[in-house]
Amino acid sequence: MALYRDRRDAGEKLADALEDLRGTPDLLVLALPRGGVPVAEPVARRLGAPLDVFVVRKIGFPGNEEFAMGAVASGGIVLVQPDLLERVPEEEFRWSLQRAVQELNERERLYRGARPPPNVEGRTVVLVDDGLATGATMRAAVEALRRKRPRQIIAAVPIASPETCEALAREVDRIVCAATPQPFHAVGLWYEDFSPTTDEEVIRLLGGGQQEGAEASP
């Protein structure tokens, strides 16, 4: 049985679980696009915090692009698995990395325009996605974000595999998994509407959020 009507409904319920963060100094909500953005928007609005995106793109294994041998993240951060890197010729790795960086830069320009990424150093960051299955994308985002020296990283999702939520808890300062049903199966099963989030929706939601560097609406 679905727990949420859609991602916005999931975000409203996730915001309930994060209510204690309201008023936290230097609070920032970062969404993993695309699906994390409609979840994060109600969270940022409820907490009175700026909303932005933290883009992560996987570095595909040559010949099997769906299999990630690493990831690139906002701010030019590159993460690789050394054991997999040893199995790939240097030229092929550079090609895969270049493509991932290009895709990331395109997403950054599309979603953020000319606005620079927010400064996260010394801040409490709430990292939001629409759910955790394997947790690979969130884990890459956490590792990349940690290099930017935030004061605290809080991973927050409406739905998660119990095992993944427990494992990720060891890598962040706090984790909020609003629901961890067992058996879990897949993120989308817990939403009535889990249709793909479009780039247009991401841009619209970011435009309506309290983005840093953006002029306030009259």
N, C-alpha and C. Protein backbone atom coordinates (compact mmCIF):
# COMPACT_ATOMS: atom_id res chain seq x y z
N MET A 1 0.84 -1.19 0.00
CA MET A 1 0.00 0.00 0.00
C MET A 1 0.87 1.24 0.00
N ALA A 2 0.56 2.21 -0.87
CA ALA A 2 1.35 3.44 -0.97
C ALA A 2 1.25 4.25 0.32
N LEU A 3 2.35 4.88 0.69
CA LEU A 3 2.39 5.75 1.87
C LEU A 3 2.22 7.22 1.50
N TYR A 4 2.54 7.55 0.24
CA TYR A 4 2.51 8.95 -0.18
C TYR A 4 1.75 9.10 -1.48
N ARG A 5 1.03 10.20 -1.63
CA ARG A 5 0.33 10.48 -2.89
C ARG A 5 1.35 10.74 -4.00
N ASP A 6 2.31 11.60 -3.70
CA ASP A 6 3.34 11.97 -4.67
C ASP A 6 4.54 12.52 -3.91
N ARG A 7 5.52 13.05 -4.62
CA ARG A 7 6.74 13.53 -3.96
C ARG A 7 6.47 14.75 -3.08
N ARG A 8 5.55 15.60 -3.49
CA ARG A 8 5.23 16.77 -2.65
C ARG A 8 4.62 16.33 -1.33
N ASP A 9 3.70 15.40 -1.38
CA ASP A 9 3.10 14.87 -0.15
C ASP A 9 4.18 14.24 0.73
N ALA A 10 5.11 13.50 0.10
CA ALA A 10 6.21 12.90 0.85
C ALA A 10 7.07 13.98 1.52
N GLY A 11 7.29 15.10 0.79
CA GLY A 11 8.08 16.19 1.35
C GLY A 11 7.41 16.84 2.54
N GLU A 12 6.10 17.00 2.47
CA GLU A 12 5.37 17.59 3.61
C GLU A 12 5.50 16.70 4.85
N LYS A 13 5.40 15.40 4.65
CA LYS A 13 5.51 14.48 5.79
C LYS A 13 6.95 14.40 6.30
N LEU A 14 7.91 14.48 5.39
CA LEU A 14 9.30 14.50 5.80
C LEU A 14 9.60 15.77 6.60
N ALA A 15 9.00 16.86 6.21
CA ALA A 15 9.19 18.12 6.94
C ALA A 15 8.72 18.00 8.38
N ASP A 16 7.64 17.22 8.61
CA ASP A 16 7.17 16.99 9.98
C ASP A 16 8.28 16.39 10.84
N ALA A 17 9.04 15.45 10.24
CA ALA A 17 10.08 14.74 10.98
C ALA A 17 11.33 15.61 11.20
N LEU A 18 11.40 16.74 10.48
CA LEU A 18 12.57 17.62 10.58
C LEU A 18 12.23 18.94 11.26
N GLU A 19 11.04 19.02 11.84
CA GLU A 19 10.55 20.27 12.41
C GLU A 19 11.50 20.85 13.46
N ASP A 20 12.23 20.00 14.16
CA ASP A 20 13.14 20.48 15.21
C ASP A 20 14.30 21.32 14.67
N LEU A 21 14.51 21.26 13.35
CA LEU A 21 15.61 22.03 12.74
C LEU A 21 15.23 23.47 12.44
N ARG A 22 13.96 23.80 12.55
CA ARG A 22 13.53 25.17 12.27
C ARG A 22 14.28 26.14 13.19
N GLY A 23 14.84 27.17 12.61
CA GLY A 23 15.58 28.15 13.40
C GLY A 23 17.05 27.83 13.57
N THR A 24 17.51 26.68 13.02
CA THR A 24 18.93 26.34 13.08
C THR A 24 19.75 27.36 12.29
N PRO A 25 20.78 27.96 12.89
CA PRO A 25 21.59 28.94 12.16
C PRO A 25 22.28 28.30 10.95
N ASP A 26 22.40 29.05 9.87
CA ASP A 26 23.12 28.61 8.67
C ASP A 26 22.62 27.27 8.14
N LEU A 27 21.31 27.08 8.18
CA LEU A 27 20.71 25.84 7.66
C LEU A 27 20.56 25.95 6.15
N LEU A 28 20.83 24.85 5.45
CA LEU A 28 20.73 24.79 3.99
C LEU A 28 20.13 23.45 3.59
N VAL A 29 19.16 23.47 2.68
CA VAL A 29 18.56 22.25 2.16
C VAL A 29 19.07 22.03 0.74
N LEU A 30 19.69 20.88 0.51
CA LEU A 30 20.19 20.51 -0.82
C LEU A 30 19.44 19.28 -1.30
N ALA A 31 18.93 19.35 -2.51
CA ALA A 31 18.18 18.24 -3.10
C ALA A 31 19.02 17.53 -4.14
N LEU A 32 18.87 16.21 -4.21
CA LEU A 32 19.48 15.44 -5.28
C LEU A 32 18.50 15.41 -6.45
N PRO A 33 18.84 16.08 -7.57
CA PRO A 33 17.91 16.11 -8.69
C PRO A 33 17.97 14.81 -9.49
N ARG A 34 16.83 14.47 -10.14
CA ARG A 34 15.71 15.36 -10.20
C ARG A 34 14.67 15.06 -9.11
N GLY A 35 14.48 13.78 -8.79
CA GLY A 35 13.38 13.39 -7.91
C GLY A 35 13.41 13.97 -6.52
N GLY A 36 14.59 14.35 -6.04
CA GLY A 36 14.68 14.89 -4.69
C GLY A 36 14.17 16.31 -4.56
N VAL A 37 14.06 17.04 -5.68
CA VAL A 37 13.70 18.45 -5.61
C VAL A 37 12.25 18.67 -5.15
N PRO A 38 11.24 18.00 -5.73
CA PRO A 38 9.87 18.21 -5.24
C PRO A 38 9.66 17.72 -3.81
N VAL A 39 10.54 16.85 -3.32
CA VAL A 39 10.49 16.44 -1.90
C VAL A 39 11.11 17.53 -1.03
N ALA A 40 12.22 18.07 -1.49
CA ALA A 40 12.97 19.05 -0.69
C ALA A 40 12.29 20.41 -0.61
N GLU A 41 11.51 20.78 -1.63
CA GLU A 41 10.91 22.12 -1.64
C GLU A 41 10.01 22.36 -0.42
N PRO A 42 9.08 21.44 -0.08
CA PRO A 42 8.28 21.66 1.12
C PRO A 42 9.12 21.65 2.41
N VAL A 43 10.19 20.86 2.40
CA VAL A 43 11.07 20.81 3.58
C VAL A 43 11.73 22.17 3.79
N ALA A 44 12.31 22.73 2.72
CA ALA A 44 12.98 24.03 2.82
C ALA A 44 11.99 25.12 3.22
N ARG A 45 10.81 25.07 2.63
CA ARG A 45 9.80 26.09 2.95
C ARG A 45 9.40 26.02 4.41
N ARG A 46 9.17 24.82 4.91
CA ARG A 46 8.75 24.65 6.32
C ARG A 46 9.85 25.07 7.29
N LEU A 47 11.10 24.77 6.93
CA LEU A 47 12.21 25.08 7.84
C LEU A 47 12.72 26.51 7.67
N GLY A 48 12.21 27.21 6.66
CA GLY A 48 12.67 28.57 6.41
C GLY A 48 14.11 28.62 5.96
N ALA A 49 14.53 27.61 5.19
CA ALA A 49 15.93 27.50 4.77
C ALA A 49 16.05 27.67 3.26
N PRO A 50 17.21 28.12 2.77
CA PRO A 50 17.43 28.19 1.33
C PRO A 50 17.41 26.79 0.72
N LEU A 51 16.98 26.72 -0.54
CA LEU A 51 16.92 25.45 -1.27
C LEU A 51 17.83 25.52 -2.48
N ASP A 52 18.62 24.47 -2.68
CA ASP A 52 19.45 24.38 -3.87
C ASP A 52 19.61 22.91 -4.23
N VAL A 53 20.34 22.64 -5.30
CA VAL A 53 20.58 21.27 -5.73
C VAL A 53 22.03 20.89 -5.50
N PHE A 54 22.24 19.60 -5.30
CA PHE A 54 23.60 19.04 -5.24
C PHE A 54 23.61 17.94 -6.28
N VAL A 55 24.26 18.22 -7.41
CA VAL A 55 24.21 17.33 -8.56
C VAL A 55 25.30 16.27 -8.46
N VAL A 56 24.92 15.02 -8.66
CA VAL A 56 25.85 13.89 -8.69
C VAL A 56 25.61 13.10 -9.97
N ARG A 57 26.68 12.83 -10.71
CA ARG A 57 26.58 12.01 -11.92
C ARG A 57 27.56 10.85 -11.81
N LYS A 58 27.10 9.67 -12.14
CA LYS A 58 27.99 8.51 -12.05
C LYS A 58 28.96 8.47 -13.22
N ILE A 59 30.13 7.89 -12.98
CA ILE A 59 31.12 7.64 -14.02
C ILE A 59 30.89 6.20 -14.47
N GLY A 60 30.36 6.03 -15.66
CA GLY A 60 30.00 4.70 -16.13
C GLY A 60 31.21 3.85 -16.48
N PHE A 61 31.08 2.56 -16.20
CA PHE A 61 32.14 1.61 -16.54
C PHE A 61 32.10 1.39 -18.06
N PRO A 62 33.23 1.51 -18.75
CA PRO A 62 33.23 1.35 -20.21
C PRO A 62 32.61 0.01 -20.64
N GLY A 63 31.65 0.10 -21.55
CA GLY A 63 30.97 -1.11 -22.01
C GLY A 63 29.76 -1.47 -21.19
N ASN A 64 29.61 -0.86 -20.01
CA ASN A 64 28.46 -1.11 -19.15
C ASN A 64 28.19 0.18 -18.37
N GLU A 65 27.63 1.16 -19.07
CA GLU A 65 27.50 2.51 -18.53
C GLU A 65 26.59 2.60 -17.30
N GLU A 66 25.71 1.62 -17.13
CA GLU A 66 24.82 1.64 -15.96
C GLU A 66 25.56 1.26 -14.69
N PHE A 67 26.71 0.63 -14.84
CA PHE A 67 27.52 0.21 -13.69
C PHE A 67 28.50 1.34 -13.36
N ALA A 68 28.42 1.88 -12.15
CA ALA A 68 29.22 3.03 -11.79
C ALA A 68 30.57 2.61 -11.20
N MET A 69 31.64 3.19 -11.74
CA MET A 69 32.96 2.97 -11.12
C MET A 69 33.38 4.20 -10.32
N GLY A 70 32.49 5.15 -10.23
CA GLY A 70 32.74 6.34 -9.45
C GLY A 70 31.66 7.37 -9.72
N ALA A 71 31.90 8.59 -9.27
CA ALA A 71 30.92 9.65 -9.46
C ALA A 71 31.62 11.00 -9.44
N VAL A 72 30.98 11.97 -10.06
CA VAL A 72 31.41 13.36 -9.96
C VAL A 72 30.27 14.13 -9.31
N ALA A 73 30.61 15.16 -8.55
CA ALA A 73 29.60 15.89 -7.81
C ALA A 73 29.83 17.38 -7.92
N SER A 74 28.80 18.14 -7.56
CA SER A 74 28.87 19.59 -7.59
C SER A 74 30.16 20.07 -6.94
N GLY A 75 30.80 21.06 -7.57
CA GLY A 75 32.04 21.60 -7.04
C GLY A 75 33.27 20.95 -7.62
N GLY A 76 33.08 20.09 -8.66
CA GLY A 76 34.22 19.47 -9.31
C GLY A 76 34.85 18.34 -8.54
N ILE A 77 34.11 17.73 -7.62
CA ILE A 77 34.64 16.64 -6.81
C ILE A 77 34.49 15.31 -7.56
N VAL A 78 35.58 14.54 -7.62
CA VAL A 78 35.60 13.25 -8.32
C VAL A 78 35.85 12.14 -7.30
N LEU A 79 34.98 11.14 -7.32
CA LEU A 79 35.11 9.98 -6.45
C LEU A 79 35.24 8.74 -7.32
N VAL A 80 36.23 7.90 -7.05
CA VAL A 80 36.40 6.67 -7.83
C VAL A 80 36.65 5.50 -6.90
N GLN A 81 36.30 4.31 -7.40
CA GLN A 81 36.60 3.08 -6.67
C GLN A 81 37.92 2.53 -7.21
N PRO A 82 38.99 2.58 -6.41
CA PRO A 82 40.32 2.20 -6.90
C PRO A 82 40.39 0.80 -7.49
N ASP A 83 39.65 -0.15 -6.91
CA ASP A 83 39.72 -1.52 -7.41
C ASP A 83 39.14 -1.63 -8.82
N LEU A 84 38.12 -0.80 -9.12
CA LEU A 84 37.54 -0.81 -10.46
C LEU A 84 38.41 -0.01 -11.43
N LEU A 85 39.01 1.05 -10.94
CA LEU A 85 39.85 1.89 -11.79
C LEU A 85 41.03 1.10 -12.36
N GLU A 86 41.53 0.14 -11.58
CA GLU A 86 42.65 -0.68 -12.03
C GLU A 86 42.30 -1.55 -13.23
N ARG A 87 41.00 -1.78 -13.45
CA ARG A 87 40.56 -2.66 -14.53
C ARG A 87 40.25 -1.90 -15.82
N VAL A 88 40.46 -0.58 -15.80
CA VAL A 88 40.08 0.24 -16.95
C VAL A 88 41.31 0.96 -17.51
N PRO A 89 41.56 0.87 -18.81
CA PRO A 89 42.66 1.64 -19.41
C PRO A 89 42.49 3.13 -19.12
N GLU A 90 43.61 3.81 -18.90
CA GLU A 90 43.57 5.22 -18.50
C GLU A 90 42.80 6.07 -19.50
N GLU A 91 42.97 5.81 -20.80
CA GLU A 91 42.29 6.61 -21.81
C GLU A 91 40.78 6.44 -21.73
N GLU A 92 40.33 5.21 -21.49
CA GLU A 92 38.89 4.96 -21.39
C GLU A 92 38.31 5.61 -20.14
N PHE A 93 39.07 5.58 -19.05
CA PHE A 93 38.60 6.23 -17.83
C PHE A 93 38.46 7.73 -18.05
N ARG A 94 39.46 8.34 -18.70
CA ARG A 94 39.40 9.78 -18.95
C ARG A 94 38.19 10.14 -19.80
N TRP A 95 37.88 9.29 -20.78
CA TRP A 95 36.71 9.53 -21.63
C TRP A 95 35.42 9.46 -20.81
N SER A 96 35.30 8.44 -19.95
CA SER A 96 34.10 8.30 -19.12
C SER A 96 33.98 9.45 -18.13
N LEU A 97 35.12 9.85 -17.56
CA LEU A 97 35.12 10.96 -16.61
C LEU A 97 34.72 12.25 -17.31
N GLN A 98 35.27 12.48 -18.49
CA GLN A 98 34.95 13.71 -19.24
C GLN A 98 33.46 13.79 -19.55
N ARG A 99 32.89 12.66 -19.92
CA ARG A 99 31.46 12.65 -20.24
C ARG A 99 30.61 12.94 -19.00
N ALA A 100 31.01 12.34 -17.86
CA ALA A 100 30.27 12.57 -16.61
C ALA A 100 30.36 14.03 -16.19
N VAL A 101 31.56 14.61 -16.31
CA VAL A 101 31.74 16.02 -15.95
C VAL A 101 30.91 16.92 -16.86
N GLN A 102 30.88 16.59 -18.15
CA GLN A 102 30.09 17.37 -19.09
C GLN A 102 28.61 17.31 -18.74
N GLU A 103 28.12 16.12 -18.42
CA GLU A 103 26.72 15.97 -18.04
C GLU A 103 26.41 16.75 -16.76
N LEU A 104 27.34 16.69 -15.80
CA LEU A 104 27.14 17.42 -14.55
C LEU A 104 27.10 18.93 -14.80
N ASN A 105 28.03 19.42 -15.60
CA ASN A 105 28.07 20.86 -15.89
C ASN A 105 26.80 21.32 -16.61
N GLU A 106 26.29 20.47 -17.50
CA GLU A 106 25.05 20.81 -18.21
C GLU A 106 23.88 20.91 -17.24
N ARG A 107 23.83 19.96 -16.30
CA ARG A 107 22.77 19.99 -15.29
C ARG A 107 22.89 21.22 -14.39
N GLU A 108 24.13 21.53 -13.98
CA GLU A 108 24.36 22.69 -13.13
C GLU A 108 23.87 23.96 -13.84
N ARG A 109 24.24 24.13 -15.11
CA ARG A 109 23.83 25.33 -15.86
C ARG A 109 22.32 25.37 -16.03
N LEU A 110 21.73 24.21 -16.30
CA LEU A 110 20.29 24.15 -16.52
C LEU A 110 19.52 24.53 -15.26
N TYR A 111 19.93 23.99 -14.12
CA TYR A 111 19.19 24.19 -12.88
C TYR A 111 19.54 25.49 -12.17
N ARG A 112 20.81 25.91 -12.27
CA ARG A 112 21.26 27.04 -11.47
C ARG A 112 21.48 28.30 -12.29
N GLY A 113 21.67 28.16 -13.60
CA GLY A 113 21.95 29.32 -14.43
C GLY A 113 23.30 29.93 -14.06
N ALA A 114 23.31 31.24 -13.93
CA ALA A 114 24.56 31.94 -13.62
C ALA A 114 24.80 32.03 -12.11
N ARG A 115 23.85 31.57 -11.32
CA ARG A 115 23.98 31.67 -9.87
C ARG A 115 25.03 30.67 -9.36
N PRO A 116 25.98 31.11 -8.54
CA PRO A 116 27.02 30.20 -8.06
C PRO A 116 26.47 29.20 -7.06
N PRO A 117 27.14 28.05 -6.90
CA PRO A 117 26.73 27.09 -5.88
C PRO A 117 26.81 27.71 -4.49
N PRO A 118 25.97 27.29 -3.57
CA PRO A 118 26.02 27.85 -2.22
C PRO A 118 27.28 27.40 -1.48
N ASN A 119 27.74 28.23 -0.58
CA ASN A 119 28.87 27.87 0.27
C ASN A 119 28.35 27.02 1.43
N VAL A 120 28.87 25.82 1.59
CA VAL A 120 28.37 24.92 2.64
C VAL A 120 29.31 24.85 3.85
N GLU A 121 30.48 25.44 3.75
CA GLU A 121 31.46 25.32 4.83
C GLU A 121 30.89 25.87 6.15
N GLY A 122 30.96 25.04 7.19
CA GLY A 122 30.51 25.45 8.51
C GLY A 122 29.00 25.46 8.70
N ARG A 123 28.25 24.95 7.72
CA ARG A 123 26.79 25.01 7.79
C ARG A 123 26.18 23.63 8.08
N THR A 124 24.95 23.66 8.55
CA THR A 124 24.17 22.43 8.70
C THR A 124 23.43 22.20 7.40
N VAL A 125 23.71 21.07 6.75
CA VAL A 125 23.14 20.78 5.44
C VAL A 125 22.19 19.59 5.54
N VAL A 126 20.97 19.78 5.05
CA VAL A 126 20.00 18.69 4.95
C VAL A 126 20.00 18.22 3.50
N LEU A 127 20.43 17.00 3.28
CA LEU A 127 20.55 16.43 1.94
C LEU A 127 19.34 15.53 1.71
N VAL A 128 18.53 15.88 0.69
CA VAL A 128 17.22 15.24 0.51
C VAL A 128 17.14 14.51 -0.82
N ASP A 129 16.56 13.30 -0.79
CA ASP A 129 16.21 12.58 -2.01
C ASP A 129 14.82 11.99 -1.82
N ASP A 130 14.25 11.40 -2.90
CA ASP A 130 12.89 10.87 -2.79
C ASP A 130 12.84 9.47 -2.20
N GLY A 131 14.00 8.86 -1.95
CA GLY A 131 14.03 7.55 -1.31
C GLY A 131 15.41 6.93 -1.42
N LEU A 132 15.62 5.89 -0.63
CA LEU A 132 16.89 5.16 -0.63
C LEU A 132 16.64 3.69 -0.90
N ALA A 133 17.20 3.20 -1.99
CA ALA A 133 17.18 1.75 -2.26
C ALA A 133 18.56 1.20 -1.92
N THR A 134 19.51 1.31 -2.85
CA THR A 134 20.88 0.92 -2.55
C THR A 134 21.63 2.02 -1.82
N GLY A 135 21.20 3.28 -2.02
CA GLY A 135 21.85 4.41 -1.36
C GLY A 135 23.12 4.89 -2.05
N ALA A 136 23.43 4.36 -3.24
CA ALA A 136 24.70 4.68 -3.89
C ALA A 136 24.82 6.17 -4.21
N THR A 137 23.76 6.77 -4.75
CA THR A 137 23.82 8.19 -5.10
C THR A 137 23.95 9.06 -3.86
N MET A 138 23.17 8.77 -2.84
CA MET A 138 23.24 9.54 -1.60
C MET A 138 24.61 9.39 -0.96
N ARG A 139 25.15 8.19 -1.00
CA ARG A 139 26.47 7.95 -0.39
C ARG A 139 27.55 8.76 -1.11
N ALA A 140 27.48 8.82 -2.43
CA ALA A 140 28.44 9.62 -3.20
C ALA A 140 28.27 11.09 -2.87
N ALA A 141 27.03 11.54 -2.74
CA ALA A 141 26.77 12.94 -2.41
C ALA A 141 27.32 13.28 -1.03
N VAL A 142 27.12 12.40 -0.08
CA VAL A 142 27.62 12.64 1.28
C VAL A 142 29.14 12.74 1.29
N GLU A 143 29.79 11.82 0.60
CA GLU A 143 31.25 11.84 0.58
C GLU A 143 31.78 13.10 -0.09
N ALA A 144 31.14 13.50 -1.17
CA ALA A 144 31.56 14.71 -1.87
C ALA A 144 31.30 15.95 -1.02
N LEU A 145 30.14 15.98 -0.39
CA LEU A 145 29.77 17.13 0.43
C LEU A 145 30.69 17.27 1.64
N ARG A 146 31.11 16.15 2.19
CA ARG A 146 31.99 16.17 3.36
C ARG A 146 33.29 16.92 3.06
N ARG A 147 33.75 16.83 1.82
CA ARG A 147 34.99 17.51 1.45
C ARG A 147 34.86 19.02 1.44
N LYS A 148 33.62 19.50 1.46
CA LYS A 148 33.38 20.95 1.50
C LYS A 148 33.27 21.48 2.93
N ARG A 149 33.49 20.62 3.90
CA ARG A 149 33.58 20.95 5.31
C ARG A 149 32.33 21.61 5.90
N PRO A 150 31.16 21.00 5.72
CA PRO A 150 29.98 21.51 6.43
C PRO A 150 30.10 21.19 7.92
N ARG A 151 29.36 21.90 8.71
CA ARG A 151 29.38 21.61 10.16
C ARG A 151 28.69 20.28 10.44
N GLN A 152 27.63 20.02 9.71
CA GLN A 152 26.83 18.82 9.95
C GLN A 152 26.11 18.42 8.67
N ILE A 153 26.04 17.11 8.39
CA ILE A 153 25.28 16.60 7.26
C ILE A 153 24.14 15.74 7.79
N ILE A 154 22.93 16.10 7.38
CA ILE A 154 21.73 15.35 7.75
C ILE A 154 21.12 14.79 6.47
N ALA A 155 21.09 13.48 6.33
CA ALA A 155 20.46 12.83 5.19
C ALA A 155 18.99 12.62 5.52
N ALA A 156 18.10 13.01 4.60
CA ALA A 156 16.66 12.93 4.89
C ALA A 156 15.90 12.41 3.68
N VAL A 157 15.12 11.36 3.88
CA VAL A 157 14.31 10.77 2.82
C VAL A 157 12.96 10.33 3.37
N PRO A 158 11.92 10.32 2.52
CA PRO A 158 10.60 9.87 2.99
C PRO A 158 10.51 8.36 3.15
N ILE A 159 11.29 7.61 2.37
CA ILE A 159 11.17 6.16 2.34
C ILE A 159 12.54 5.55 2.10
N ALA A 160 12.81 4.41 2.77
CA ALA A 160 14.13 3.81 2.62
C ALA A 160 14.10 2.33 2.96
N SER A 161 14.99 1.61 2.34
CA SER A 161 15.25 0.25 2.77
C SER A 161 15.82 0.30 4.18
N PRO A 162 15.31 -0.52 5.10
CA PRO A 162 15.83 -0.48 6.48
C PRO A 162 17.33 -0.70 6.54
N GLU A 163 17.84 -1.63 5.74
CA GLU A 163 19.28 -1.93 5.76
C GLU A 163 20.10 -0.75 5.26
N THR A 164 19.62 -0.09 4.20
CA THR A 164 20.35 1.05 3.65
C THR A 164 20.33 2.23 4.61
N CYS A 165 19.19 2.46 5.24
CA CYS A 165 19.08 3.55 6.21
C CYS A 165 20.06 3.31 7.37
N GLU A 166 20.13 2.09 7.84
CA GLU A 166 21.03 1.75 8.95
C GLU A 166 22.49 1.91 8.54
N ALA A 167 22.83 1.49 7.33
CA ALA A 167 24.21 1.59 6.86
C ALA A 167 24.62 3.04 6.66
N LEU A 168 23.74 3.85 6.06
CA LEU A 168 24.07 5.25 5.79
C LEU A 168 24.19 6.05 7.08
N ALA A 169 23.50 5.63 8.11
CA ALA A 169 23.55 6.34 9.39
C ALA A 169 24.98 6.44 9.93
N ARG A 170 25.82 5.49 9.54
CA ARG A 170 27.20 5.50 10.01
C ARG A 170 28.06 6.52 9.26
N GLU A 171 27.53 7.08 8.18
CA GLU A 171 28.31 7.98 7.33
C GLU A 171 27.88 9.44 7.43
N VAL A 172 26.81 9.71 8.17
CA VAL A 172 26.32 11.09 8.30
C VAL A 172 26.18 11.43 9.78
N ASP A 173 25.96 12.70 10.07
CA ASP A 173 25.79 13.12 11.46
C ASP A 173 24.41 12.77 11.99
N ARG A 174 23.45 12.73 11.09
CA ARG A 174 22.08 12.35 11.47
C ARG A 174 21.38 11.86 10.23
N ILE A 175 20.52 10.88 10.38
CA ILE A 175 19.72 10.42 9.25
C ILE A 175 18.26 10.37 9.65
N VAL A 176 17.41 10.83 8.74
CA VAL A 176 15.97 10.78 8.96
C VAL A 176 15.35 10.02 7.80
N CYS A 177 14.93 8.80 8.06
CA CYS A 177 14.18 7.99 7.10
C CYS A 177 12.76 7.92 7.65
N ALA A 178 11.86 8.68 7.05
CA ALA A 178 10.51 8.82 7.61
C ALA A 178 9.78 7.48 7.70
N ALA A 179 10.06 6.58 6.76
CA ALA A 179 9.45 5.24 6.78
C ALA A 179 10.46 4.23 6.27
N THR A 180 10.53 3.08 6.93
CA THR A 180 11.44 2.00 6.53
C THR A 180 10.67 0.68 6.53
N PRO A 181 9.75 0.51 5.57
CA PRO A 181 8.91 -0.70 5.55
C PRO A 181 9.71 -1.96 5.24
N GLN A 182 9.21 -3.06 5.75
CA GLN A 182 9.83 -4.36 5.49
C GLN A 182 8.72 -5.35 5.16
N PRO A 183 8.74 -5.98 3.98
CA PRO A 183 9.77 -5.88 2.94
C PRO A 183 9.68 -4.55 2.19
N PHE A 184 10.81 -4.14 1.62
CA PHE A 184 10.92 -2.82 1.00
C PHE A 184 10.67 -2.88 -0.52
N HIS A 185 11.40 -3.71 -1.23
CA HIS A 185 11.32 -3.91 -2.68
C HIS A 185 11.85 -2.73 -3.50
N ALA A 186 11.11 -1.60 -3.56
CA ALA A 186 11.54 -0.48 -4.40
C ALA A 186 10.91 0.82 -3.93
N VAL A 187 11.62 1.94 -4.16
CA VAL A 187 11.13 3.25 -3.72
C VAL A 187 9.77 3.56 -4.32
N GLY A 188 9.62 3.36 -5.63
CA GLY A 188 8.41 3.77 -6.32
C GLY A 188 7.13 3.08 -5.86
N LEU A 189 7.25 1.92 -5.24
CA LEU A 189 6.07 1.19 -4.79
C LEU A 189 5.32 1.92 -3.68
N TRP A 190 5.98 2.83 -3.00
CA TRP A 190 5.40 3.50 -1.85
C TRP A 190 4.78 4.86 -2.21
N TYR A 191 4.77 5.16 -3.50
CA TYR A 191 4.14 6.38 -4.00
C TYR A 191 2.98 6.01 -4.92
N GLU A 192 1.85 6.69 -4.75
CA GLU A 192 0.75 6.51 -5.71
C GLU A 192 1.18 7.04 -7.08
N ASP A 193 1.83 8.20 -7.08
CA ASP A 193 2.33 8.81 -8.31
C ASP A 193 3.84 8.95 -8.20
N PHE A 194 4.57 8.14 -8.96
CA PHE A 194 6.03 8.21 -8.95
C PHE A 194 6.54 8.49 -10.36
N SER A 195 5.76 9.29 -11.09
CA SER A 195 6.16 9.63 -12.46
C SER A 195 7.44 10.46 -12.43
N PRO A 196 8.27 10.35 -13.47
CA PRO A 196 9.56 11.04 -13.46
C PRO A 196 9.42 12.56 -13.30
N THR A 197 10.30 13.12 -12.52
CA THR A 197 10.36 14.58 -12.36
C THR A 197 11.08 15.16 -13.59
N THR A 198 10.52 16.20 -14.18
CA THR A 198 11.11 16.79 -15.37
C THR A 198 12.08 17.90 -15.00
N ASP A 199 12.97 18.23 -15.95
CA ASP A 199 13.87 19.36 -15.75
C ASP A 199 13.08 20.65 -15.55
N GLU A 200 11.97 20.78 -16.27
CA GLU A 200 11.15 21.98 -16.14
C GLU A 200 10.59 22.13 -14.73
N GLU A 201 10.18 21.01 -14.13
CA GLU A 201 9.66 21.06 -12.77
C GLU A 201 10.75 21.43 -11.78
N VAL A 202 11.95 20.88 -11.98
CA VAL A 202 13.08 21.22 -11.10
C VAL A 202 13.35 22.71 -11.15
N ILE A 203 13.42 23.27 -12.36
CA ILE A 203 13.71 24.70 -12.53
C ILE A 203 12.62 25.55 -11.88
N ARG A 204 11.37 25.13 -12.06
CA ARG A 204 10.26 25.89 -11.47
C ARG A 204 10.32 25.88 -9.95
N LEU A 205 10.57 24.71 -9.37
CA LEU A 205 10.61 24.60 -7.91
C LEU A 205 11.80 25.35 -7.32
N LEU A 206 12.93 25.30 -8.00
CA LEU A 206 14.09 26.04 -7.51
C LEU A 206 13.84 27.54 -7.61
N GLY A 207 13.13 27.94 -8.67
CA GLY A 207 12.82 29.36 -8.83
C GLY A 207 11.88 29.87 -7.76
N GLY A 208 11.04 28.96 -7.23
CA GLY A 208 10.11 29.37 -6.19
C GLY A 208 10.65 29.21 -4.79
N GLY A 209 11.83 28.54 -4.69
CA GLY A 209 12.43 28.33 -3.38
C GLY A 209 13.22 29.54 -2.91
N GLN A 210 13.71 29.48 -1.67
CA GLN A 210 14.47 30.58 -1.10
C GLN A 210 15.95 30.40 -1.45
N GLN A 211 16.26 30.52 -2.72
CA GLN A 211 17.64 30.32 -3.16
C GLN A 211 18.51 31.48 -2.71
N GLU A 212 19.70 31.14 -2.27
CA GLU A 212 20.66 32.15 -1.92
C GLU A 212 21.10 32.89 -3.17
N GLY A 213 21.23 34.17 -3.05
CA GLY A 213 21.68 34.95 -4.19
C GLY A 213 20.55 35.35 -5.11
N ALA A 214 19.35 34.80 -4.87
CA ALA A 214 18.18 35.18 -5.67
C ALA A 214 17.45 36.32 -5.00
N GLU A 215 16.85 37.20 -5.80
CA GLU A 215 16.12 38.29 -5.23
C GLU A 215 14.80 37.78 -4.66
N ALA A 216 14.42 38.34 -3.52
CA ALA A 216 13.17 37.94 -2.89
C ALA A 216 11.99 38.42 -3.72
N SER A 217 10.93 37.63 -3.71
CA SER A 217 9.74 38.02 -4.45
C SER A 217 9.09 39.21 -3.77
N PRO A 218 8.50 40.10 -4.51
CA PRO A 218 7.87 41.28 -3.90
C PRO A 218 6.62 40.88 -3.13
